[in-house]
Amino acid sequence: MSVTCHLCERPLIDPVIVATEARTGPLCTVACRSCSLVQTSPHPSEAEVSEYYASGDYRREFPPLPVEGLSEALEPTGATVEPTDREYEVALDRHAQHAARRLVGMGVVEVAMSRVVEVGCGDGRVASALQSLGVRVEVVEQDPTMRARAAARGLTVHASIGDVSGRADVAFALQVVEHFADPVGGLVAIAGMADRVYVEVPTVERPYGSIAHFFQRAHAVTYSQHTLTAALKRAGFGSVHTALDGSVLCAIGTREREAQPYEPHGGPSAEEVVGTLHAWERDRVAKAKAGSIVARFEACESLTAEERSFMADEWIRWRSMAVDAASSLASIVRQLEEAERPDWHPDAWVRGYYAGRIYEGQRAGIMLGHALNSLATNLNRSKA
């Protein structure tokens, strides 16, 4: 079966390989030689993606992350709030308030607007914060659990873009459109309910963490400024402005026409995109290792009491991770033993999830073995 690029719709023949692993396990990510869009290959169908998010599996596969602490005045405190902290929900609310004020401050959303729609609202925190500022907001969310939470905040909630009738002044989507199985088709659907759209997405120009951590199965595409501009223009947004904000790519488009065929955007080639990403990864690894305690530990250099304490804490963390990995693997093995056929689960996304767990366990085992060898070497040197 011929596979076509999400953006230019040309056959995805001999693409440039970006990465073969991701946060959830083995995953092939490629860059199209025709338009340079970075995308998973093969990519999931719209039906698979809809079922995945409607089932709530995405929230289970990607648990809550630590967030930066904000004061009551929404200023950074310099602290990190973990999901297990009692203040975590407060921190999330403050981040939502910060996002809402930012959208108003940028002029994306105005209090005078009669109707605003957020696509992919999650539990509705940002929309609720906007509503508290006097903005009339409706939301779209596929996950039924998140939809119920958004409704509990007093928001008008829709299960899909197609359920939104009439037109809005503006639609916005924060970290959402990269999840669309058909990115351009999703933007066309948004254009059907609003003439102005604002989106924020991850970008290959500012990856966060390692490349293996940055890419994930849930992201069908990963944009650059050039490819996001091209996608919005294909969807009919003739006027498009983009900007980088930290690790986030922001874009605002004004609809001026109907959906258009792909037009070359004149950006970097696929080879240049991938080369830049790999150069960034090499630089990241070099900076992380240069002079670090872990590097000195591996080289059997003398450590201070504070550094030894740090390594002891790291050892406890590694041990905990190894135990979790072993428990997960044991559970997977039991399920495989009970299966009647090798493809023991009909849902490809679920099979991929468990494959990712196995892969994570393998990496944990390698790291644990490396830690054991380094620790043994250092202890033997100390005795000498």
Protein backbone atom coordinates (compact mmCIF):
# COMPACT_ATOMS: atom_id res chain seq x y z
CA MET A 1 0.00 0.00 0.00
CA SER A 2 1.37 3.41 -0.99
CA VAL A 3 1.96 5.81 1.88
CA THR A 4 1.67 9.53 1.22
CA CYS A 5 3.09 12.48 3.11
CA HIS A 6 0.73 14.28 5.48
CA LEU A 7 1.57 17.69 4.00
CA CYS A 8 2.52 17.50 0.31
CA GLU A 9 0.52 14.29 -0.35
CA ARG A 10 3.32 12.88 -2.47
CA PRO A 11 4.40 9.23 -2.06
CA LEU A 12 6.60 8.89 1.01
CA ILE A 13 9.33 7.03 -0.88
CA ASP A 14 12.83 6.71 0.60
CA PRO A 15 12.29 9.35 3.31
CA VAL A 16 15.15 10.50 5.52
CA ILE A 17 15.20 8.58 8.80
CA VAL A 18 15.06 10.91 11.80
CA ALA A 19 14.85 8.38 14.66
CA THR A 20 13.94 4.73 15.23
CA GLU A 21 12.93 4.97 18.88
CA ALA A 22 10.65 7.20 20.91
CA ARG A 23 9.47 7.78 24.44
CA THR A 24 7.08 4.84 24.22
CA GLY A 25 9.44 2.41 22.50
CA PRO A 26 10.41 1.57 18.90
CA LEU A 27 8.98 4.12 16.46
CA CYS A 28 10.14 5.15 13.00
CA THR A 29 10.12 8.92 12.49
CA VAL A 30 11.03 10.26 9.05
CA ALA A 31 11.33 13.50 7.10
CA CYS A 32 9.66 13.76 3.69
CA ARG A 33 12.16 14.49 0.91
CA SER A 34 9.59 16.60 -0.95
CA CYS A 35 8.44 18.99 1.80
CA SER A 36 10.63 18.15 4.88
CA LEU A 37 7.68 17.45 7.18
CA VAL A 38 8.75 15.20 10.08
CA GLN A 39 6.18 12.44 10.68
CA THR A 40 5.74 8.91 11.97
CA SER A 41 5.92 6.13 9.41
CA PRO A 42 3.67 4.31 9.02
CA HIS A 43 1.22 6.77 10.51
CA PRO A 44 -2.06 5.77 12.14
CA SER A 45 -5.46 6.14 10.50
CA GLU A 46 -8.03 8.70 11.63
CA ALA A 47 -10.17 5.89 13.03
CA GLU A 48 -7.27 4.53 15.11
CA VAL A 49 -6.43 7.97 16.49
CA SER A 50 -10.06 8.78 17.33
CA GLU A 51 -10.47 5.47 19.12
CA TYR A 52 -7.20 5.97 20.98
CA TYR A 53 -8.16 9.34 22.44
CA ALA A 54 -11.80 8.46 23.03
CA SER A 55 -10.68 5.42 25.05
CA GLY A 56 -8.63 7.57 27.43
CA ASP A 57 -5.50 5.49 26.70
CA TYR A 58 -3.48 8.61 25.89
CA ARG A 59 -3.85 9.96 29.44
CA ARG A 60 -2.84 6.57 30.85
CA GLU A 61 0.14 6.20 28.53
CA PHE A 62 1.43 9.71 29.29
CA PRO A 63 1.00 10.32 33.02
CA PRO A 64 1.09 13.80 34.61
CA LEU A 65 4.43 15.60 34.49
CA PRO A 66 6.11 17.90 37.03
CA VAL A 67 5.44 21.59 36.42
CA GLU A 68 7.23 24.80 37.27
CA GLY A 69 5.94 26.43 40.43
CA LEU A 70 4.19 29.78 40.07
CA SER A 71 3.40 32.27 42.81
CA GLU A 72 -0.07 33.75 43.35
CA ALA A 73 1.08 36.59 41.09
CA LEU A 74 1.89 33.93 38.44
CA GLU A 75 5.62 34.56 38.69
CA PRO A 76 8.09 31.61 38.54
CA THR A 77 9.18 30.48 42.00
CA GLY A 78 12.18 28.45 40.81
CA ALA A 79 10.67 25.30 42.36
CA THR A 80 9.38 22.19 40.62
CA VAL A 81 6.00 20.80 41.65
CA GLU A 82 5.71 17.01 41.36
CA PRO A 83 2.40 15.23 40.59
CA THR A 84 2.55 13.70 44.07
CA ASP A 85 2.76 17.11 45.78
CA ARG A 86 -0.36 18.45 47.46
CA GLU A 87 0.10 21.75 45.61
CA TYR A 88 0.10 20.10 42.18
CA GLU A 89 -3.52 20.95 41.33
CA VAL A 90 -2.93 24.54 42.46
CA ALA A 91 0.15 24.69 40.23
CA LEU A 92 -1.85 23.46 37.25
CA ASP A 93 -4.55 26.06 37.89
CA ARG A 94 -1.95 28.82 38.04
CA HIS A 95 -0.38 27.65 34.78
CA ALA A 96 -3.84 27.73 33.19
CA GLN A 97 -4.38 31.26 34.47
CA HIS A 98 -0.97 32.25 33.08
CA ALA A 99 -1.86 30.73 29.67
CA ALA A 100 -5.23 32.50 29.63
CA ARG A 101 -3.71 35.90 30.44
CA ARG A 102 -1.04 35.29 27.79
CA LEU A 103 -3.66 34.58 25.12
CA VAL A 104 -5.48 37.79 26.05
CA GLY A 105 -2.24 39.77 26.26
CA MET A 106 -1.20 38.61 22.78
CA GLY A 107 -4.55 39.68 21.36
CA VAL A 108 -5.39 36.12 20.29
CA VAL A 109 -8.48 36.22 22.50
CA GLU A 110 -10.40 39.35 23.43
CA VAL A 111 -12.97 39.75 26.16
CA ALA A 112 -15.27 41.49 23.66
CA MET A 113 -15.38 38.41 21.43
CA SER A 114 -18.78 36.77 21.35
CA ARG A 115 -17.50 33.23 20.85
CA VAL A 116 -14.17 31.40 21.29
CA VAL A 117 -13.58 27.66 20.81
CA GLU A 118 -10.70 25.64 22.27
CA VAL A 119 -9.91 22.41 20.42
CA GLY A 120 -8.50 19.62 22.59
CA CYS A 121 -9.14 21.31 25.93
CA GLY A 122 -8.22 18.38 28.21
CA ASP A 123 -9.87 19.02 31.55
CA GLY A 124 -10.74 22.59 30.54
CA ARG A 125 -8.45 24.52 32.87
CA VAL A 126 -7.33 27.12 30.31
CA ALA A 127 -10.84 27.64 28.94
CA SER A 128 -12.18 27.99 32.48
CA ALA A 129 -9.49 30.57 33.27
CA LEU A 130 -10.48 32.51 30.14
CA GLN A 131 -14.12 32.32 31.14
CA SER A 132 -13.23 33.82 34.53
CA LEU A 133 -11.74 36.77 32.60
CA GLY A 134 -15.10 37.32 30.88
CA VAL A 135 -14.47 35.44 27.63
CA ARG A 136 -17.25 33.20 26.30
CA VAL A 137 -15.57 29.85 25.59
CA GLU A 138 -16.74 26.52 24.18
CA VAL A 139 -14.47 23.48 24.07
CA VAL A 140 -13.90 20.29 22.06
CA GLU A 141 -12.49 17.15 23.69
CA GLN A 142 -12.55 13.50 22.54
CA ASP A 143 -11.58 11.88 25.85
CA PRO A 144 -14.87 11.32 27.73
CA THR A 145 -13.22 11.54 31.17
CA MET A 146 -11.61 14.88 30.34
CA ARG A 147 -14.86 16.03 28.72
CA ALA A 148 -16.75 15.37 31.96
CA ARG A 149 -14.17 17.33 33.95
CA ALA A 150 -14.43 20.25 31.54
CA ALA A 151 -18.22 20.19 31.79
CA ALA A 152 -17.93 20.21 35.58
CA ARG A 153 -16.15 23.57 35.23
CA GLY A 154 -19.28 25.01 33.65
CA LEU A 155 -18.02 24.89 30.05
CA THR A 156 -20.02 24.08 26.94
CA VAL A 157 -18.38 20.87 25.75
CA HIS A 158 -18.42 19.13 22.34
CA ALA A 159 -17.09 15.64 21.56
CA SER A 160 -15.76 16.57 18.12
CA ILE A 161 -15.16 19.56 15.87
CA GLY A 162 -18.12 18.45 13.75
CA ASP A 163 -20.44 18.96 16.73
CA VAL A 164 -19.72 22.71 16.83
CA SER A 165 -22.40 24.59 14.91
CA GLY A 166 -22.11 28.16 13.67
CA ARG A 167 -18.91 30.19 13.54
CA ALA A 168 -16.58 31.46 16.25
CA ASP A 169 -14.44 34.58 16.37
CA VAL A 170 -11.32 32.48 16.96
CA ALA A 171 -10.37 28.86 17.61
CA PHE A 172 -7.21 27.88 19.45
CA ALA A 173 -5.42 24.60 20.09
CA LEU A 174 -2.54 24.23 22.55
CA GLN A 175 -0.31 21.21 21.89
CA VAL A 176 -3.08 19.48 19.93
CA VAL A 177 -2.79 19.65 16.11
CA GLU A 178 0.38 17.51 16.10
CA HIS A 179 -1.87 14.65 17.28
CA PHE A 180 -4.18 14.80 14.24
CA ALA A 181 -3.94 11.71 11.97
CA ASP A 182 -4.67 14.07 9.07
CA PRO A 183 -3.07 17.38 10.15
CA VAL A 184 -4.20 19.41 7.15
CA GLY A 185 -7.68 17.89 7.24
CA GLY A 186 -7.91 18.75 10.93
CA LEU A 187 -6.93 22.35 10.21
CA VAL A 188 -9.53 22.48 7.43
CA ALA A 189 -12.14 21.30 9.95
CA ILE A 190 -11.08 24.07 12.34
CA ALA A 191 -11.30 26.57 9.48
CA GLY A 192 -14.90 25.48 9.07
CA MET A 193 -15.83 26.94 12.44
CA ALA A 194 -13.52 30.00 12.76
CA ASP A 195 -11.77 32.40 10.40
CA ARG A 196 -8.86 32.89 12.81
CA VAL A 197 -6.87 30.12 14.44
CA TYR A 198 -4.05 30.07 16.97
CA VAL A 199 -1.98 26.92 17.57
CA GLU A 200 0.98 25.93 19.71
CA VAL A 201 2.96 22.80 18.84
CA PRO A 202 6.29 21.11 19.60
CA THR A 203 8.91 21.88 16.96
CA VAL A 204 11.99 20.22 15.51
CA GLU A 205 13.66 23.61 15.84
CA ARG A 206 13.54 23.48 19.66
CA PRO A 207 13.40 19.81 20.81
CA TYR A 208 13.21 19.17 24.55
CA GLY A 209 15.12 16.34 26.25
CA SER A 210 16.79 13.70 24.09
CA ILE A 211 15.55 12.90 20.60
CA ALA A 212 14.26 9.57 21.92
CA HIS A 213 12.26 11.44 24.57
CA PHE A 214 11.08 14.18 22.21
CA PHE A 215 9.40 11.94 19.63
CA GLN A 216 6.36 9.94 20.68
CA ARG A 217 3.79 7.67 19.10
CA ALA A 218 0.97 10.11 19.85
CA HIS A 219 2.50 12.82 17.62
CA ALA A 220 1.67 12.02 14.00
CA VAL A 221 3.76 14.99 12.86
CA THR A 222 6.35 17.36 14.28
CA TYR A 223 6.38 20.77 12.68
CA SER A 224 8.92 23.48 11.88
CA GLN A 225 8.01 27.09 11.17
CA HIS A 226 8.11 26.37 7.43
CA THR A 227 6.00 23.20 7.48
CA LEU A 228 3.41 24.58 9.92
CA THR A 229 3.04 27.68 7.73
CA ALA A 230 2.61 25.44 4.67
CA ALA A 231 0.00 23.29 6.46
CA LEU A 232 -2.03 26.33 7.53
CA LYS A 233 -1.88 27.80 4.04
CA ARG A 234 -3.03 24.50 2.57
CA ALA A 235 -5.99 24.66 4.96
CA GLY A 236 -6.97 28.07 3.59
CA PHE A 237 -5.30 30.38 6.10
CA GLY A 238 -3.70 32.80 3.65
CA SER A 239 -2.15 35.07 6.26
CA VAL A 240 0.10 33.12 8.68
CA HIS A 241 2.53 34.38 11.31
CA THR A 242 4.80 32.10 13.34
CA ALA A 243 7.15 32.59 16.28
CA LEU A 244 9.26 30.46 18.61
CA ASP A 245 8.56 30.80 22.33
CA GLY A 246 10.98 28.66 24.31
CA SER A 247 10.49 25.10 23.07
CA VAL A 248 7.06 25.91 21.60
CA LEU A 249 6.18 26.96 18.05
CA CYS A 250 3.26 29.40 17.92
CA ALA A 251 1.25 30.33 14.83
CA ILE A 252 -1.77 32.45 14.07
CA GLY A 253 -3.60 32.24 10.77
CA THR A 254 -6.42 34.20 9.17
CA ARG A 255 -8.66 32.31 6.74
CA GLU A 256 -8.73 34.01 3.35
CA ARG A 257 -9.63 31.22 0.93
CA GLU A 258 -10.67 27.59 0.54
CA ALA A 259 -8.23 24.74 1.10
CA GLN A 260 -5.41 24.81 -1.45
CA PRO A 261 -2.97 22.29 -2.99
CA TYR A 262 0.47 22.13 -1.39
CA GLU A 263 2.88 24.88 -2.40
CA PRO A 264 6.66 24.49 -1.80
CA HIS A 265 7.62 26.55 1.25
CA GLY A 266 11.30 27.10 0.49
CA GLY A 267 12.47 25.84 3.87
CA PRO A 268 15.41 23.58 4.68
CA SER A 269 15.66 20.19 3.00
CA ALA A 270 14.86 16.95 4.80
CA GLU A 271 18.59 16.21 5.07
CA GLU A 272 19.23 19.63 6.61
CA VAL A 273 16.38 19.19 9.14
CA VAL A 274 17.66 15.77 10.22
CA GLY A 275 21.29 16.91 10.25
CA THR A 276 20.44 19.83 12.51
CA LEU A 277 18.51 17.56 14.89
CA HIS A 278 21.36 15.06 15.15
CA ALA A 279 23.93 17.84 15.63
CA TRP A 280 21.77 19.21 18.43
CA GLU A 281 21.60 15.75 20.03
CA ARG A 282 25.39 15.30 19.90
CA ASP A 283 25.88 18.73 21.46
CA ARG A 284 23.31 17.96 24.17
CA VAL A 285 25.04 14.69 25.12
CA ALA A 286 28.48 16.32 25.15
CA LYS A 287 27.32 19.17 27.40
CA ALA A 288 25.51 16.77 29.74
CA LYS A 289 28.58 14.60 30.21
CA ALA A 290 31.32 17.22 30.30
CA GLY A 291 32.56 17.53 33.87
CA SER A 292 29.43 15.92 35.29
CA ILE A 293 29.47 13.88 38.49
CA VAL A 294 28.31 10.84 36.56
CA ALA A 295 31.18 11.16 34.06
CA ARG A 296 33.73 11.45 36.89
CA PHE A 297 32.06 8.55 38.68
CA GLU A 298 32.41 6.38 35.57
CA ALA A 299 36.06 7.45 35.23
CA CYS A 300 36.70 6.32 38.86
CA GLU A 301 37.80 9.80 39.95
CA SER A 302 37.63 10.79 43.62
CA LEU A 303 34.31 12.29 44.68
CA THR A 304 33.44 14.61 47.55
CA ALA A 305 31.06 13.49 50.30
CA GLU A 306 28.29 15.56 48.71
CA GLU A 307 28.91 13.98 45.31
CA ARG A 308 28.94 10.49 46.79
CA SER A 309 25.62 11.28 48.48
CA PHE A 310 24.25 12.42 45.14
CA MET A 311 25.33 9.19 43.47
CA ALA A 312 23.78 7.20 46.31
CA ASP A 313 20.48 8.95 45.67
CA GLU A 314 20.84 8.22 41.96
CA TRP A 315 21.48 4.58 42.79
CA ILE A 316 18.23 4.42 44.74
CA ARG A 317 16.41 5.95 41.78
CA TRP A 318 17.94 3.43 39.36
CA ARG A 319 17.09 0.57 41.71
CA SER A 320 13.49 1.73 41.93
CA MET A 321 13.27 2.01 38.15
CA ALA A 322 14.69 -1.49 37.72
CA VAL A 323 12.13 -2.92 40.14
CA ASP A 324 9.31 -1.15 38.30
CA ALA A 325 10.62 -2.40 34.97
CA ALA A 326 10.86 -5.98 36.24
CA SER A 327 7.31 -5.82 37.62
CA SER A 328 6.01 -4.46 34.33
CA LEU A 329 7.80 -7.13 32.35
CA ALA A 330 6.43 -9.85 34.64
CA SER A 331 2.90 -8.57 34.05
CA ILE A 332 3.44 -8.47 30.30
CA VAL A 333 4.81 -12.01 30.26
CA ARG A 334 1.77 -13.28 32.18
CA GLN A 335 -0.55 -11.63 29.67
CA LEU A 336 1.39 -13.07 26.76
CA GLU A 337 1.23 -16.55 28.30
CA GLU A 338 -2.54 -16.27 28.61
CA ALA A 339 -2.97 -15.13 25.01
CA GLU A 340 -4.27 -17.59 22.43
CA ARG A 341 -2.39 -15.99 19.54
CA PRO A 342 0.89 -13.99 19.21
CA ASP A 343 -1.10 -10.83 18.31
CA TRP A 344 -2.78 -11.15 21.68
CA HIS A 345 -4.54 -7.80 21.54
CA PRO A 346 -6.54 -6.53 18.51
CA ASP A 347 -5.68 -2.87 19.16
CA ALA A 348 -2.38 -1.92 17.51
CA TRP A 349 -1.98 1.05 19.84
CA VAL A 350 -2.20 -1.22 22.90
CA ARG A 351 0.28 -3.68 21.40
CA GLY A 352 2.60 -0.77 20.71
CA TYR A 353 2.21 0.41 24.29
CA TYR A 354 3.30 -2.94 25.70
CA ALA A 355 6.13 -3.17 23.18
CA GLY A 356 7.25 0.19 24.49
CA ARG A 357 7.12 -1.08 28.06
CA ILE A 358 9.34 -4.02 27.08
CA TYR A 359 11.75 -1.65 25.38
CA GLU A 360 11.83 0.63 28.41
CA GLY A 361 12.58 -2.40 30.58
CA GLN A 362 15.46 -3.35 28.31
CA ARG A 363 16.93 0.15 28.55
CA ALA A 364 16.48 0.13 32.33
CA GLY A 365 18.32 -3.18 32.52
CA ILE A 366 21.23 -1.83 30.45
CA MET A 367 21.45 1.27 32.64
CA LEU A 368 21.28 -0.80 35.80
CA GLY A 369 24.07 -3.10 34.60
CA HIS A 370 26.22 -0.08 33.73
CA ALA A 371 25.62 1.43 37.16
CA LEU A 372 26.57 -1.83 38.87
CA ASN A 373 29.82 -2.09 36.92
CA SER A 374 30.75 1.54 37.60
CA LEU A 375 29.93 1.24 41.29
CA ALA A 376 31.95 -1.97 41.64
CA THR A 377 34.94 -0.39 39.89
CA ASN A 378 34.87 2.66 42.13
CA LEU A 379 34.54 0.59 45.32
CA ASN A 380 37.47 -1.62 44.34
CA ARG A 381 39.60 1.41 43.64
CA SER A 382 38.72 2.86 47.03
CA LYS A 383 39.88 -0.33 48.76
CA ALA A 384 43.21 -0.15 47.00
